[in-house]
């Protein structure tokens, strides 16, 4: 398959930056998901992790995954209150949420985004989702009462978007969530 190459840890699919290799895993943009690329990865004993936005970040010149020297990137989930919850729960500070409704409950939230970004910083994630949302995002611009989850195989950290800070909170999902790296 001459149209697919691996050079310096970067996977190219017919001239397009499609992904990168991280140990025995290939983080590949979901738009390139095909039988041909899947077979190519399998022949090299690479487990694909189909992730939105990889090509966009590679085109922007960002160094990712095993190529990067900083801390490994984790995945991000954006939790937003469901449309049918009490309207007074929305867009309020954490203290008011706890006082009026108790601790934030996963049953009141839905996942508006699940993918990998080029940062693990809640403030940068908030800014990005407040102004220019990435592909795959199905919610409103981030605001107070939303929750950012930063996760990996090692576990999750949850951040409540408060007035001008992020408050780390306990927030456990009611049922297991299938991550982008899992297959059925």
N, C-alpha and C. Protein backbone atom coordinates (compact mmCIF):
# COMPACT_ATOMS: atom_id res chain seq x y z
N UNK A 1 0.84 -1.19 0.00
CA UNK A 1 0.00 0.00 0.00
C UNK A 1 0.88 1.24 0.00
N UNK A 2 1.32 1.67 -1.17
CA UNK A 2 2.24 2.80 -1.23
C UNK A 2 1.63 4.13 -0.81
N UNK A 3 0.33 4.22 -0.70
CA UNK A 3 -0.31 5.47 -0.31
C UNK A 3 -0.27 5.76 1.17
N UNK A 4 0.16 4.78 1.98
CA UNK A 4 0.22 4.96 3.43
C UNK A 4 1.67 4.81 3.86
N UNK A 5 2.18 5.80 4.59
CA UNK A 5 3.57 5.74 5.03
C UNK A 5 3.67 6.09 6.51
N UNK A 6 4.78 5.65 7.11
CA UNK A 6 5.11 5.98 8.48
C UNK A 6 6.53 6.50 8.48
N UNK A 7 6.70 7.77 8.87
CA UNK A 7 8.02 8.38 8.88
C UNK A 7 8.14 9.27 10.11
N UNK A 8 9.17 9.04 10.90
CA UNK A 8 9.41 9.82 12.12
C UNK A 8 8.21 9.81 13.07
N UNK A 9 7.52 8.68 13.12
CA UNK A 9 6.39 8.55 14.04
C UNK A 9 5.08 9.11 13.51
N UNK A 10 5.09 9.70 12.30
CA UNK A 10 3.88 10.28 11.72
C UNK A 10 3.32 9.38 10.63
N UNK A 11 2.01 9.18 10.65
CA UNK A 11 1.34 8.37 9.64
C UNK A 11 0.77 9.31 8.58
N UNK A 12 1.11 9.02 7.33
CA UNK A 12 0.60 9.81 6.20
C UNK A 12 -0.31 8.92 5.37
N UNK A 13 -1.48 9.42 5.02
CA UNK A 13 -2.45 8.67 4.23
C UNK A 13 -2.63 9.41 2.91
N UNK A 14 -2.01 8.90 1.86
CA UNK A 14 -2.06 9.52 0.54
C UNK A 14 -1.72 11.01 0.60
N UNK A 15 -0.64 11.31 1.30
CA UNK A 15 -0.14 12.68 1.38
C UNK A 15 -0.73 13.53 2.48
N UNK A 16 -1.71 13.01 3.20
CA UNK A 16 -2.34 13.78 4.28
C UNK A 16 -1.85 13.30 5.64
N UNK A 17 -1.54 14.23 6.55
CA UNK A 17 -1.14 13.81 7.90
C UNK A 17 -2.34 13.20 8.62
N UNK A 18 -2.30 11.88 8.81
CA UNK A 18 -3.46 11.17 9.34
C UNK A 18 -3.35 10.83 10.81
N UNK A 19 -2.12 10.72 11.33
CA UNK A 19 -1.99 10.33 12.73
C UNK A 19 -0.55 10.19 13.15
N UNK A 20 -0.35 9.59 14.31
CA UNK A 20 0.98 9.40 14.85
C UNK A 20 1.01 8.12 15.68
N UNK A 21 2.22 7.61 15.88
CA UNK A 21 2.40 6.37 16.62
C UNK A 21 2.87 6.71 18.03
N UNK A 22 2.26 6.01 18.98
CA UNK A 22 2.56 6.19 20.40
C UNK A 22 2.71 4.79 20.98
N UNK A 23 3.95 4.32 21.19
CA UNK A 23 4.24 2.96 21.64
C UNK A 23 3.64 1.98 20.64
N UNK A 24 2.71 1.13 21.04
CA UNK A 24 2.11 0.16 20.12
C UNK A 24 0.72 0.58 19.68
N UNK A 25 0.45 1.88 19.79
CA UNK A 25 -0.86 2.42 19.46
C UNK A 25 -0.69 3.46 18.35
N UNK A 26 -1.67 3.54 17.47
CA UNK A 26 -1.69 4.57 16.43
C UNK A 26 -2.89 5.47 16.69
N UNK A 27 -2.63 6.74 16.95
CA UNK A 27 -3.70 7.72 17.14
C UNK A 27 -3.95 8.31 15.76
N UNK A 28 -5.14 8.01 15.20
CA UNK A 28 -5.43 8.35 13.81
C UNK A 28 -6.74 9.13 13.74
N UNK A 29 -6.75 10.16 12.90
CA UNK A 29 -7.97 10.95 12.74
C UNK A 29 -9.09 10.07 12.21
N UNK A 30 -10.26 10.21 12.81
CA UNK A 30 -11.42 9.39 12.48
C UNK A 30 -11.82 9.52 10.99
N UNK A 31 -11.52 10.65 10.35
CA UNK A 31 -11.93 10.82 8.94
C UNK A 31 -11.20 9.85 8.01
N UNK A 32 -10.10 9.26 8.47
CA UNK A 32 -9.34 8.33 7.64
C UNK A 32 -9.69 6.87 7.93
N UNK A 33 -10.67 6.64 8.78
CA UNK A 33 -11.02 5.27 9.16
C UNK A 33 -11.51 4.51 7.92
N UNK A 34 -10.77 3.47 7.57
CA UNK A 34 -11.10 2.66 6.39
C UNK A 34 -10.54 1.26 6.58
N UNK A 35 -11.03 0.33 5.79
CA UNK A 35 -10.52 -1.04 5.85
C UNK A 35 -9.04 -1.06 5.46
N UNK A 36 -8.68 -0.26 4.45
CA UNK A 36 -7.31 -0.22 3.97
C UNK A 36 -6.35 0.23 5.07
N UNK A 37 -6.66 1.34 5.74
CA UNK A 37 -5.78 1.84 6.79
C UNK A 37 -5.80 0.92 8.01
N UNK A 38 -6.95 0.37 8.33
CA UNK A 38 -7.04 -0.58 9.46
C UNK A 38 -6.14 -1.79 9.21
N UNK A 39 -6.17 -2.33 7.99
CA UNK A 39 -5.33 -3.49 7.65
C UNK A 39 -3.85 -3.11 7.71
N UNK A 40 -3.50 -1.93 7.22
CA UNK A 40 -2.12 -1.45 7.25
C UNK A 40 -1.61 -1.36 8.69
N UNK A 41 -2.44 -0.81 9.57
CA UNK A 41 -2.06 -0.70 10.99
C UNK A 41 -1.92 -2.08 11.62
N UNK A 42 -2.86 -2.97 11.31
CA UNK A 42 -2.82 -4.33 11.86
C UNK A 42 -1.56 -5.06 11.43
N UNK A 43 -1.14 -4.89 10.17
CA UNK A 43 0.08 -5.52 9.67
C UNK A 43 1.33 -5.05 10.40
N UNK A 44 1.26 -3.89 11.01
CA UNK A 44 2.39 -3.34 11.77
C UNK A 44 2.20 -3.50 13.28
N UNK A 45 1.21 -4.30 13.65
CA UNK A 45 0.88 -4.56 15.07
C UNK A 45 0.60 -3.28 15.84
N UNK A 46 -0.07 -2.34 15.18
CA UNK A 46 -0.45 -1.08 15.83
C UNK A 46 -1.96 -1.10 16.09
N UNK A 47 -2.35 -0.80 17.31
CA UNK A 47 -3.76 -0.74 17.66
C UNK A 47 -4.28 0.66 17.37
N UNK A 48 -5.28 0.80 16.50
CA UNK A 48 -5.76 2.15 16.17
C UNK A 48 -6.62 2.76 17.28
N UNK A 49 -6.43 4.04 17.50
CA UNK A 49 -7.31 4.83 18.36
C UNK A 49 -7.85 5.93 17.45
N UNK A 50 -9.08 5.77 16.99
CA UNK A 50 -9.69 6.72 16.06
C UNK A 50 -10.15 7.94 16.85
N UNK A 51 -9.59 9.10 16.52
CA UNK A 51 -9.79 10.31 17.31
C UNK A 51 -10.07 11.49 16.40
N UNK A 52 -11.05 12.32 16.76
CA UNK A 52 -11.36 13.52 15.97
C UNK A 52 -10.26 14.57 16.13
N UNK A 53 -10.02 15.33 15.07
CA UNK A 53 -9.16 16.51 15.12
C UNK A 53 -7.67 16.28 15.02
N UNK A 54 -7.22 15.04 14.82
CA UNK A 54 -5.78 14.78 14.77
C UNK A 54 -5.15 15.45 13.55
N UNK A 55 -5.76 15.28 12.37
CA UNK A 55 -5.19 15.89 11.17
C UNK A 55 -5.10 17.41 11.31
N UNK A 56 -6.15 18.02 11.83
CA UNK A 56 -6.17 19.48 12.00
C UNK A 56 -5.00 19.94 12.88
N UNK A 57 -4.75 19.21 13.97
CA UNK A 57 -3.66 19.59 14.87
C UNK A 57 -2.30 19.35 14.23
N UNK A 58 -2.16 18.26 13.46
CA UNK A 58 -0.90 18.01 12.78
C UNK A 58 -0.64 19.07 11.71
N UNK A 59 -1.68 19.46 10.96
CA UNK A 59 -1.52 20.51 9.95
C UNK A 59 -1.13 21.84 10.56
N UNK A 60 -1.58 22.08 11.81
CA UNK A 60 -1.24 23.32 12.50
C UNK A 60 0.19 23.28 13.04
N UNK A 61 0.87 22.15 12.83
CA UNK A 61 2.26 22.05 13.25
C UNK A 61 2.44 21.65 14.70
N UNK A 62 1.39 21.19 15.33
CA UNK A 62 1.51 20.79 16.73
C UNK A 62 2.17 19.42 16.80
N UNK A 63 3.01 19.26 17.80
CA UNK A 63 3.70 17.99 18.01
C UNK A 63 2.89 17.17 19.00
N UNK A 64 2.56 15.96 18.61
CA UNK A 64 1.63 15.16 19.39
C UNK A 64 2.23 13.84 19.84
N UNK A 65 1.53 13.22 20.77
CA UNK A 65 1.79 11.86 21.19
C UNK A 65 3.23 11.54 21.49
N UNK A 66 3.72 10.42 20.95
CA UNK A 66 5.08 9.97 21.20
C UNK A 66 6.11 10.94 20.68
N UNK A 67 5.72 11.87 19.84
CA UNK A 67 6.63 12.87 19.30
C UNK A 67 6.84 13.98 20.31
N UNK A 68 5.89 14.15 21.18
CA UNK A 68 5.89 15.26 22.13
C UNK A 68 6.76 14.94 23.34
N UNK A 69 7.42 15.94 23.89
CA UNK A 69 8.26 15.73 25.05
C UNK A 69 7.55 16.11 26.35
N UNK A 70 6.42 16.77 26.27
CA UNK A 70 5.66 17.16 27.46
C UNK A 70 4.85 15.97 27.97
N UNK A 71 4.06 16.21 29.02
CA UNK A 71 3.21 15.16 29.58
C UNK A 71 2.28 14.62 28.50
N UNK A 72 1.98 13.33 28.54
CA UNK A 72 1.09 12.76 27.52
C UNK A 72 -0.29 13.41 27.56
N UNK A 73 -0.87 13.56 26.39
CA UNK A 73 -2.20 14.14 26.31
C UNK A 73 -3.23 13.13 26.77
N UNK A 74 -4.23 13.63 27.46
CA UNK A 74 -5.34 12.79 27.90
C UNK A 74 -6.54 13.11 27.03
N UNK A 75 -7.58 12.34 27.18
CA UNK A 75 -8.82 12.60 26.46
C UNK A 75 -9.67 13.58 27.27
N UNK A 76 -10.63 14.18 26.59
CA UNK A 76 -11.48 15.19 27.22
C UNK A 76 -12.94 14.86 26.94
N UNK A 77 -13.75 14.98 27.98
CA UNK A 77 -15.20 14.93 27.82
C UNK A 77 -15.76 16.24 28.35
N UNK A 78 -16.72 16.77 27.63
CA UNK A 78 -17.43 17.96 28.09
C UNK A 78 -18.83 17.50 28.49
N UNK A 79 -19.19 17.77 29.74
CA UNK A 79 -20.50 17.42 30.27
C UNK A 79 -21.32 18.70 30.39
N UNK A 80 -22.53 18.70 29.83
CA UNK A 80 -23.43 19.84 29.94
C UNK A 80 -24.78 19.36 30.45
N UNK A 81 -25.44 20.24 31.19
CA UNK A 81 -26.74 19.89 31.76
C UNK A 81 -27.73 19.55 30.64
N UNK A 82 -28.55 18.54 30.91
CA UNK A 82 -29.56 18.12 29.94
C UNK A 82 -30.61 19.21 29.78
N UNK A 83 -31.24 19.28 28.62
CA UNK A 83 -32.25 20.32 28.38
C UNK A 83 -33.44 20.27 29.34
N UNK A 84 -33.77 19.09 29.86
CA UNK A 84 -34.96 18.97 30.69
C UNK A 84 -34.73 19.15 32.19
N UNK A 85 -33.51 19.52 32.62
CA UNK A 85 -33.29 19.75 34.06
C UNK A 85 -33.89 21.09 34.47
N UNK A 86 -34.06 21.29 35.76
CA UNK A 86 -34.56 22.56 36.30
C UNK A 86 -33.72 23.71 35.74
N UNK A 87 -34.37 24.66 35.11
CA UNK A 87 -33.68 25.79 34.47
C UNK A 87 -32.79 26.55 35.45
N UNK A 88 -33.13 26.52 36.74
CA UNK A 88 -32.35 27.25 37.74
C UNK A 88 -31.02 26.58 38.05
N UNK A 89 -30.78 25.37 37.53
CA UNK A 89 -29.51 24.68 37.71
C UNK A 89 -28.46 25.19 36.72
N UNK A 90 -28.91 25.78 35.65
CA UNK A 90 -28.02 26.15 34.55
C UNK A 90 -27.33 27.48 34.81
N UNK A 91 -26.05 27.52 34.45
CA UNK A 91 -25.25 28.74 34.45
C UNK A 91 -25.13 29.36 35.85
N UNK A 92 -24.96 28.51 36.87
CA UNK A 92 -24.82 29.04 38.23
C UNK A 92 -23.48 28.61 38.83
N UNK A 93 -22.99 29.39 39.79
CA UNK A 93 -21.72 29.05 40.45
C UNK A 93 -21.86 27.74 41.24
N UNK A 94 -20.74 27.11 41.51
CA UNK A 94 -20.71 25.83 42.21
C UNK A 94 -21.39 25.91 43.58
N UNK A 95 -21.06 26.92 44.37
CA UNK A 95 -21.64 27.05 45.71
C UNK A 95 -23.17 27.11 45.66
N UNK A 96 -23.68 27.83 44.68
CA UNK A 96 -25.14 27.94 44.54
C UNK A 96 -25.74 26.60 44.10
N UNK A 97 -25.04 25.89 43.20
CA UNK A 97 -25.50 24.57 42.77
C UNK A 97 -25.62 23.64 43.97
N UNK A 98 -24.58 23.61 44.81
CA UNK A 98 -24.58 22.72 45.98
C UNK A 98 -25.67 23.13 46.97
N UNK A 99 -25.81 24.42 47.20
CA UNK A 99 -26.79 24.92 48.17
C UNK A 99 -28.23 24.60 47.73
N UNK A 100 -28.53 24.79 46.45
CA UNK A 100 -29.90 24.61 45.98
C UNK A 100 -30.22 23.19 45.51
N UNK A 101 -29.23 22.49 44.94
CA UNK A 101 -29.52 21.21 44.29
C UNK A 101 -28.62 20.06 44.73
N UNK A 102 -27.64 20.33 45.59
CA UNK A 102 -26.69 19.30 45.98
C UNK A 102 -25.52 19.25 45.00
N UNK A 103 -24.61 18.31 45.25
CA UNK A 103 -23.45 18.15 44.36
C UNK A 103 -23.92 17.85 42.94
N UNK A 104 -23.17 18.29 41.92
CA UNK A 104 -23.54 17.96 40.54
C UNK A 104 -23.67 16.44 40.38
N UNK A 105 -24.72 16.02 39.70
CA UNK A 105 -25.00 14.60 39.51
C UNK A 105 -24.90 14.22 38.04
N UNK A 106 -24.17 13.16 37.72
CA UNK A 106 -24.07 12.73 36.32
C UNK A 106 -25.42 12.49 35.66
N UNK A 107 -26.44 12.15 36.44
CA UNK A 107 -27.77 11.93 35.87
C UNK A 107 -28.40 13.18 35.29
N UNK A 108 -27.91 14.35 35.70
CA UNK A 108 -28.44 15.62 35.19
C UNK A 108 -27.67 16.12 33.96
N UNK A 109 -26.58 15.44 33.61
CA UNK A 109 -25.69 15.89 32.53
C UNK A 109 -25.70 14.92 31.36
N UNK A 110 -25.30 15.45 30.21
CA UNK A 110 -25.07 14.63 29.02
C UNK A 110 -23.67 14.96 28.50
N UNK A 111 -23.10 14.06 27.74
CA UNK A 111 -21.77 14.29 27.17
C UNK A 111 -21.95 15.02 25.84
N UNK A 112 -21.36 16.21 25.75
CA UNK A 112 -21.45 17.02 24.53
C UNK A 112 -20.21 16.86 23.65
N UNK A 113 -19.14 16.28 24.22
CA UNK A 113 -17.91 16.07 23.46
C UNK A 113 -17.09 14.98 24.14
N UNK A 114 -16.45 14.15 23.34
CA UNK A 114 -15.53 13.13 23.85
C UNK A 114 -14.45 12.95 22.80
N UNK A 115 -13.25 13.40 23.10
CA UNK A 115 -12.16 13.30 22.13
C UNK A 115 -10.84 13.74 22.73
N UNK A 116 -9.83 13.83 21.89
CA UNK A 116 -8.52 14.25 22.35
C UNK A 116 -8.23 15.64 21.81
N UNK A 117 -7.66 16.48 22.67
CA UNK A 117 -7.26 17.82 22.27
C UNK A 117 -5.75 17.93 22.41
N UNK A 118 -5.22 19.10 22.11
CA UNK A 118 -3.79 19.31 22.21
C UNK A 118 -3.37 19.87 23.56
N UNK A 119 -4.22 19.75 24.57
CA UNK A 119 -3.92 20.29 25.89
C UNK A 119 -4.62 19.49 26.98
N UNK A 120 -4.04 19.53 28.18
CA UNK A 120 -4.67 18.94 29.36
C UNK A 120 -5.11 20.04 30.33
N UNK A 121 -4.99 21.29 29.94
CA UNK A 121 -5.27 22.43 30.81
C UNK A 121 -6.75 22.83 30.73
N UNK A 122 -7.48 22.77 31.88
CA UNK A 122 -8.91 23.11 31.86
C UNK A 122 -9.19 24.53 31.34
N UNK A 123 -8.35 25.50 31.64
CA UNK A 123 -8.59 26.87 31.18
C UNK A 123 -8.49 26.96 29.66
N UNK A 124 -7.49 26.31 29.09
CA UNK A 124 -7.33 26.32 27.63
C UNK A 124 -8.49 25.59 26.97
N UNK A 125 -8.91 24.47 27.56
CA UNK A 125 -10.06 23.73 27.03
C UNK A 125 -11.31 24.60 27.08
N UNK A 126 -11.53 25.28 28.19
CA UNK A 126 -12.69 26.16 28.34
C UNK A 126 -12.68 27.26 27.27
N UNK A 127 -11.53 27.91 27.09
CA UNK A 127 -11.42 28.97 26.08
C UNK A 127 -11.75 28.44 24.69
N UNK A 128 -11.21 27.27 24.37
CA UNK A 128 -11.44 26.69 23.04
C UNK A 128 -12.91 26.40 22.82
N UNK A 129 -13.58 25.80 23.79
CA UNK A 129 -14.98 25.44 23.62
C UNK A 129 -15.92 26.64 23.79
N UNK A 130 -15.41 27.74 24.30
CA UNK A 130 -16.23 28.95 24.44
C UNK A 130 -16.25 29.75 23.15
N UNK A 131 -15.22 29.62 22.33
CA UNK A 131 -15.12 30.45 21.14
C UNK A 131 -15.25 29.67 19.84
N UNK A 132 -14.41 28.67 19.66
CA UNK A 132 -14.37 27.93 18.39
C UNK A 132 -14.38 26.44 18.71
N UNK A 133 -15.54 25.84 18.70
CA UNK A 133 -15.68 24.46 19.10
C UNK A 133 -15.09 23.50 18.05
N UNK A 134 -14.43 22.44 18.51
CA UNK A 134 -13.85 21.48 17.57
C UNK A 134 -14.92 20.58 16.95
N UNK A 135 -14.58 19.90 15.86
CA UNK A 135 -15.53 18.95 15.26
C UNK A 135 -15.94 17.90 16.29
N UNK A 136 -17.18 17.49 16.21
CA UNK A 136 -17.68 16.47 17.13
C UNK A 136 -18.35 17.03 18.37
N UNK A 137 -18.30 18.35 18.56
CA UNK A 137 -18.91 18.98 19.73
C UNK A 137 -20.38 19.23 19.43
N UNK A 138 -21.27 18.83 20.37
CA UNK A 138 -22.71 18.96 20.13
C UNK A 138 -23.40 19.75 21.23
N UNK A 139 -22.77 20.78 21.73
CA UNK A 139 -23.38 21.55 22.82
C UNK A 139 -23.31 23.04 22.57
N UNK A 140 -23.62 23.79 23.63
CA UNK A 140 -23.52 25.25 23.57
C UNK A 140 -22.11 25.65 23.98
N UNK A 141 -21.67 26.88 23.68
CA UNK A 141 -20.35 27.31 24.13
C UNK A 141 -20.21 27.09 25.64
N UNK A 142 -19.03 26.66 26.07
CA UNK A 142 -18.85 26.35 27.49
C UNK A 142 -19.16 27.55 28.36
N UNK A 143 -19.75 27.25 29.51
CA UNK A 143 -20.12 28.30 30.45
C UNK A 143 -20.21 27.71 31.85
N UNK A 144 -20.54 28.58 32.81
CA UNK A 144 -20.67 28.16 34.19
C UNK A 144 -21.66 27.00 34.29
N UNK A 145 -21.36 26.04 35.13
CA UNK A 145 -22.13 24.83 35.43
C UNK A 145 -21.77 23.66 34.52
N UNK A 146 -20.95 23.89 33.48
CA UNK A 146 -20.48 22.78 32.66
C UNK A 146 -19.33 22.09 33.38
N UNK A 147 -19.07 20.85 33.02
CA UNK A 147 -18.01 20.07 33.66
C UNK A 147 -17.06 19.57 32.59
N UNK A 148 -15.77 19.76 32.84
CA UNK A 148 -14.71 19.26 31.96
C UNK A 148 -14.12 18.02 32.63
N UNK A 149 -14.10 16.92 31.90
CA UNK A 149 -13.47 15.70 32.39
C UNK A 149 -12.21 15.47 31.58
N UNK A 150 -11.09 15.31 32.26
CA UNK A 150 -9.82 14.99 31.61
C UNK A 150 -9.48 13.57 32.08
N UNK A 151 -9.35 12.64 31.13
CA UNK A 151 -9.22 11.24 31.54
C UNK A 151 -8.22 10.46 30.70
N UNK A 152 -7.77 9.37 31.29
CA UNK A 152 -6.92 8.39 30.62
C UNK A 152 -7.25 7.03 31.23
N UNK A 153 -6.50 6.01 30.86
CA UNK A 153 -6.72 4.68 31.43
C UNK A 153 -6.53 4.70 32.95
N UNK A 154 -5.74 5.65 33.44
CA UNK A 154 -5.45 5.73 34.88
C UNK A 154 -6.60 6.33 35.68
N UNK A 155 -7.58 6.97 35.03
CA UNK A 155 -8.71 7.56 35.74
C UNK A 155 -9.10 8.92 35.20
N UNK A 156 -10.01 9.59 35.93
CA UNK A 156 -10.57 10.87 35.48
C UNK A 156 -10.39 11.95 36.53
N UNK A 157 -10.29 13.18 36.04
CA UNK A 157 -10.36 14.37 36.88
C UNK A 157 -11.50 15.20 36.33
N UNK A 158 -12.34 15.73 37.23
CA UNK A 158 -13.52 16.50 36.82
C UNK A 158 -13.38 17.92 37.33
N UNK A 159 -13.71 18.90 36.46
CA UNK A 159 -13.60 20.31 36.82
C UNK A 159 -14.93 21.01 36.52
N UNK A 160 -15.51 21.60 37.55
CA UNK A 160 -16.74 22.38 37.41
C UNK A 160 -16.34 23.79 36.97
N UNK A 161 -16.95 24.29 35.91
CA UNK A 161 -16.68 25.66 35.45
C UNK A 161 -17.43 26.61 36.38
N UNK A 162 -16.68 27.27 37.26
CA UNK A 162 -17.24 28.20 38.23
C UNK A 162 -17.08 29.61 37.69
N UNK A 163 -17.22 30.60 38.55
CA UNK A 163 -17.17 32.00 38.08
C UNK A 163 -15.94 32.29 37.24
N UNK A 164 -14.76 32.27 37.81
CA UNK A 164 -13.54 32.55 37.05
C UNK A 164 -12.47 31.50 37.30
N UNK A 165 -12.86 30.40 37.92
CA UNK A 165 -11.93 29.33 38.25
C UNK A 165 -12.55 27.99 37.90
N UNK A 166 -11.75 26.95 38.01
CA UNK A 166 -12.24 25.60 37.84
C UNK A 166 -12.10 24.90 39.17
N UNK A 167 -13.17 24.35 39.64
CA UNK A 167 -13.19 23.66 40.93
C UNK A 167 -13.16 22.17 40.64
N UNK A 168 -12.11 21.48 41.14
CA UNK A 168 -12.06 20.04 40.95
C UNK A 168 -13.11 19.41 41.86
N UNK A 169 -13.92 18.52 41.28
CA UNK A 169 -15.03 17.92 42.02
C UNK A 169 -15.02 16.41 41.87
N UNK A 170 -15.77 15.74 42.73
CA UNK A 170 -16.05 14.31 42.59
C UNK A 170 -17.28 14.21 41.69
N UNK A 171 -17.19 13.38 40.67
CA UNK A 171 -18.28 13.28 39.70
C UNK A 171 -18.09 11.96 38.99
N UNK A 172 -18.78 10.95 39.39
CA UNK A 172 -18.59 9.63 38.80
C UNK A 172 -19.75 9.28 37.89
N UNK A 173 -19.42 8.73 36.75
CA UNK A 173 -20.44 8.33 35.79
C UNK A 173 -21.29 7.21 36.37
N UNK A 174 -22.57 7.22 36.03
CA UNK A 174 -23.50 6.21 36.53
C UNK A 174 -23.25 4.85 35.91
N UNK A 175 -22.75 4.83 34.69
CA UNK A 175 -22.49 3.57 34.01
C UNK A 175 -21.22 3.73 33.19
N UNK A 176 -20.56 2.62 32.85
CA UNK A 176 -19.32 2.72 32.07
C UNK A 176 -19.57 3.44 30.74
N UNK A 177 -18.61 4.24 30.36
CA UNK A 177 -18.71 4.98 29.09
C UNK A 177 -17.73 4.37 28.12
N UNK A 178 -18.17 4.12 26.90
CA UNK A 178 -17.28 3.60 25.88
C UNK A 178 -16.42 4.74 25.38
N UNK A 179 -15.11 4.60 25.48
CA UNK A 179 -14.21 5.64 25.01
C UNK A 179 -13.90 5.42 23.54
N UNK A 180 -13.32 6.43 22.93
CA UNK A 180 -13.05 6.38 21.50
C UNK A 180 -12.07 5.27 21.15
N UNK A 181 -11.21 4.89 22.07
CA UNK A 181 -10.22 3.87 21.80
C UNK A 181 -10.77 2.45 21.87
N UNK A 182 -11.97 2.29 22.33
CA UNK A 182 -12.54 0.96 22.49
C UNK A 182 -13.28 0.56 21.21
N UNK A 183 -13.35 -0.73 20.96
CA UNK A 183 -14.11 -1.20 19.81
C UNK A 183 -15.08 -2.26 20.25
N UNK A 184 -16.10 -2.44 19.47
CA UNK A 184 -17.13 -3.43 19.81
C UNK A 184 -16.91 -4.69 19.04
